[in-house]
Structure formats: C-alpha cells, structure tokens
C-alpha cells in the first residue's frame, strides 16, 4: 500500500501536487489545511482522504488525532507532536513544525513529511509511505 502524506498547506499548494498523488492508494493530510475547500482537488482523485485538524483549522469535522491500521501496522496521525506516543502505535505521523522528520524514539517511528507552503530548513515537501506485510517498507520524502 502506497500512501501520500502531506501537511501544512495553509490554503495553498503547488498546482501540480494533486497529479503527483493520483496513484496513491490513500492520501493523509496532517493538519493546517485552513479552508476545507483547499482539499477539493485531492478529494476528486477518488482515493480515501484522511485529515486531522491542525491548530490553524477552524473546521470541526476533522479529528485532532486519528488511529489507522494499514497492512498490519498501527499509525497515529496528529498535527502537533505529543510528548510521547501512545502504546501500541508503530508510527506517529505529525505536521506543525514545518520540518521533515524520520526518527525512532522508544520503539516508535516518528515521521513528518515537512511543509507544502512554508517549509523550515530544506524546502517544501510531501512524502510517500509504503507499508506491506506488517511493516513500513519505506518513507520517501519528495521535494517540490
């Protein structure tokens, strides 16, 4: 399963981004969408679209956290990274910092795809997450 993961669009994104994600099995947005209409083109891709609410999102229809299991791997999606990961989670995905992340802490993989519109550090990005047979096969950052 191949999942496109992005965060911190803040009402805008490069016009070519939906096309880059068209072959995803799912799309996950880690918060700070701002206007829900921003995601219209991604919804039109007819892929499952999971979104968590960020600190800049007023829309109450998105949860603050979301736990998903894919291919036997448990994921926690959130915007603001917590101090620690809950038990039973293999990977915690977050946005908010506008900085990419891929590190293991206490047996949990912490992942951040970076920021689409206001990156800190080394440029705008999203990521491809590939999972299969009970494990994370790859986390690939894509610079825009």
Protein backbone atom coordinates (compact mmCIF):
# COMPACT_ATOMS: atom_id res chain seq x y z
CA UNK A 1 0.00 0.00 0.00
CA UNK A 2 1.35 3.41 -1.01
CA UNK A 3 0.13 6.46 0.90
CA UNK A 4 0.77 10.12 0.03
CA UNK A 5 1.33 12.15 3.21
CA UNK A 6 1.38 15.93 3.41
CA UNK A 7 0.83 18.71 5.90
CA UNK A 8 0.58 22.43 6.49
CA UNK A 9 -0.93 23.54 3.19
CA UNK A 10 -2.32 26.73 4.77
CA UNK A 11 -4.84 27.24 1.93
CA UNK A 12 -2.43 26.63 -0.94
CA UNK A 13 -0.23 24.09 -2.67
CA UNK A 14 1.60 23.83 -5.98
CA UNK A 15 -0.91 23.22 -8.81
CA UNK A 16 0.88 20.02 -9.88
CA UNK A 17 0.62 18.35 -6.43
CA UNK A 18 -2.70 16.51 -6.96
CA UNK A 19 -1.30 14.97 -10.13
CA UNK A 20 1.74 13.69 -8.21
CA UNK A 21 -0.61 11.94 -5.78
CA UNK A 22 -3.04 10.46 -8.31
CA UNK A 23 -1.63 6.94 -7.97
CA UNK A 24 -1.77 6.85 -4.17
CA UNK A 25 -3.87 4.17 -2.51
CA UNK A 26 -4.73 6.73 0.18
CA UNK A 27 -3.93 10.35 0.99
CA UNK A 28 -3.25 11.57 4.54
CA UNK A 29 -3.14 15.27 5.49
CA UNK A 30 -1.62 16.05 8.88
CA UNK A 31 -3.35 19.36 9.61
CA UNK A 32 -3.34 23.08 8.96
CA UNK A 33 -5.39 22.81 5.79
CA UNK A 34 -7.23 26.01 6.84
CA UNK A 35 -10.14 26.20 4.35
CA UNK A 36 -11.59 22.70 3.71
CA UNK A 37 -12.11 23.71 0.04
CA UNK A 38 -8.31 23.53 -0.28
CA UNK A 39 -8.65 19.74 -0.40
CA UNK A 40 -11.25 19.63 -3.21
CA UNK A 41 -8.81 18.53 -5.92
CA UNK A 42 -7.42 15.79 -3.68
CA UNK A 43 -10.95 14.52 -2.95
CA UNK A 44 -11.58 14.41 -6.71
CA UNK A 45 -8.80 11.82 -7.03
CA UNK A 46 -11.31 9.37 -5.51
CA UNK A 47 -8.82 7.97 -3.03
CA UNK A 48 -9.54 7.68 0.69
CA UNK A 49 -8.55 11.07 2.16
CA UNK A 50 -7.86 11.19 5.91
CA UNK A 51 -7.34 14.57 7.57
CA UNK A 52 -6.56 15.62 11.14
CA UNK A 53 -7.28 19.10 12.47
CA UNK A 54 -4.36 21.44 12.97
CA UNK A 55 -4.03 24.50 15.18
CA UNK A 56 -4.96 26.77 12.23
CA UNK A 57 -8.05 24.74 11.26
CA UNK A 58 -11.43 26.04 12.40
CA UNK A 59 -13.38 23.24 10.67
CA UNK A 60 -14.59 20.91 13.42
CA UNK A 61 -15.32 17.96 11.11
CA UNK A 62 -11.77 16.62 11.35
CA UNK A 63 -10.50 14.80 14.45
CA UNK A 64 -7.46 16.06 16.36
CA UNK A 65 -5.95 12.57 16.19
CA UNK A 66 -6.69 9.54 14.10
CA UNK A 67 -5.51 5.97 14.61
CA UNK A 68 -5.35 3.85 11.46
CA UNK A 69 -4.13 0.35 10.80
CA UNK A 70 -2.81 -0.47 7.36
CA UNK A 71 -1.27 -3.79 6.32
CA UNK A 72 -0.99 -4.75 9.99
CA UNK A 73 0.84 -1.55 11.02
CA UNK A 74 -0.75 0.85 13.54
CA UNK A 75 -0.40 4.59 12.84
CA UNK A 76 -1.32 7.65 14.87
CA UNK A 77 -1.94 10.79 12.82
CA UNK A 78 -1.89 14.15 14.59
CA UNK A 79 -0.86 17.71 13.85
CA UNK A 80 1.04 18.86 16.93
CA UNK A 81 3.52 16.19 18.04
CA UNK A 82 2.78 14.92 21.56
CA UNK A 83 5.46 14.42 24.21
CA UNK A 84 5.20 10.65 23.79
CA UNK A 85 3.48 8.12 21.59
CA UNK A 86 0.60 6.05 22.94
CA UNK A 87 1.10 2.32 23.49
CA UNK A 88 0.60 0.03 20.54
CA UNK A 89 1.47 2.56 17.85
CA UNK A 90 4.21 1.60 15.40
CA UNK A 91 4.47 5.05 13.82
CA UNK A 92 3.37 8.55 14.77
CA UNK A 93 2.91 10.98 11.89
CA UNK A 94 2.67 14.71 12.57
CA UNK A 95 2.98 18.11 10.96
CA UNK A 96 3.11 21.51 12.71
CA UNK A 97 6.89 22.00 12.88
CA UNK A 98 7.29 22.51 9.11
CA UNK A 99 10.44 20.37 9.37
CA UNK A 100 10.87 16.86 7.97
CA UNK A 101 11.39 14.06 10.46
CA UNK A 102 12.18 10.36 10.45
CA UNK A 103 13.42 9.02 13.76
CA UNK A 104 12.90 6.14 16.16
CA UNK A 105 12.04 7.02 19.76
CA UNK A 106 11.30 4.29 22.29
CA UNK A 107 10.39 1.82 19.56
CA UNK A 108 8.04 4.20 17.69
CA UNK A 109 8.87 5.74 14.32
CA UNK A 110 8.15 9.49 14.27
CA UNK A 111 7.51 10.87 10.78
CA UNK A 112 6.86 14.35 9.43
CA UNK A 113 6.61 14.96 5.66
CA UNK A 114 7.63 18.60 6.04
CA UNK A 115 5.55 21.52 4.85
CA UNK A 116 3.99 22.30 1.50
CA UNK A 117 3.86 26.11 1.73
CA UNK A 118 6.14 27.47 4.47
CA UNK A 119 8.98 24.99 4.98
CA UNK A 120 11.70 25.47 7.54
CA UNK A 121 15.01 24.07 6.51
CA UNK A 122 15.39 22.32 3.21
CA UNK A 123 12.38 23.16 1.06
CA UNK A 124 8.76 22.25 0.52
CA UNK A 125 7.94 18.55 0.51
CA UNK A 126 5.47 15.73 0.96
CA UNK A 127 6.20 12.02 1.48
CA UNK A 128 5.33 8.58 0.20
CA UNK A 129 4.71 5.98 2.88
CA UNK A 130 4.78 2.37 1.72
CA UNK A 131 3.54 -0.40 4.01
CA UNK A 132 3.24 -4.14 3.35
CA UNK A 133 3.03 -7.37 5.31
CA UNK A 134 3.11 -5.82 8.77
CA UNK A 135 5.93 -3.35 8.28
CA UNK A 136 6.84 0.06 6.96
CA UNK A 137 8.68 -0.67 3.74
CA UNK A 138 9.72 2.91 3.00
CA UNK A 139 9.29 6.58 3.86
CA UNK A 140 10.35 8.69 0.90
CA UNK A 141 10.45 12.47 1.09
CA UNK A 142 9.63 14.25 -2.17
CA UNK A 143 10.97 17.77 -2.59
CA UNK A 144 8.77 20.15 -4.52
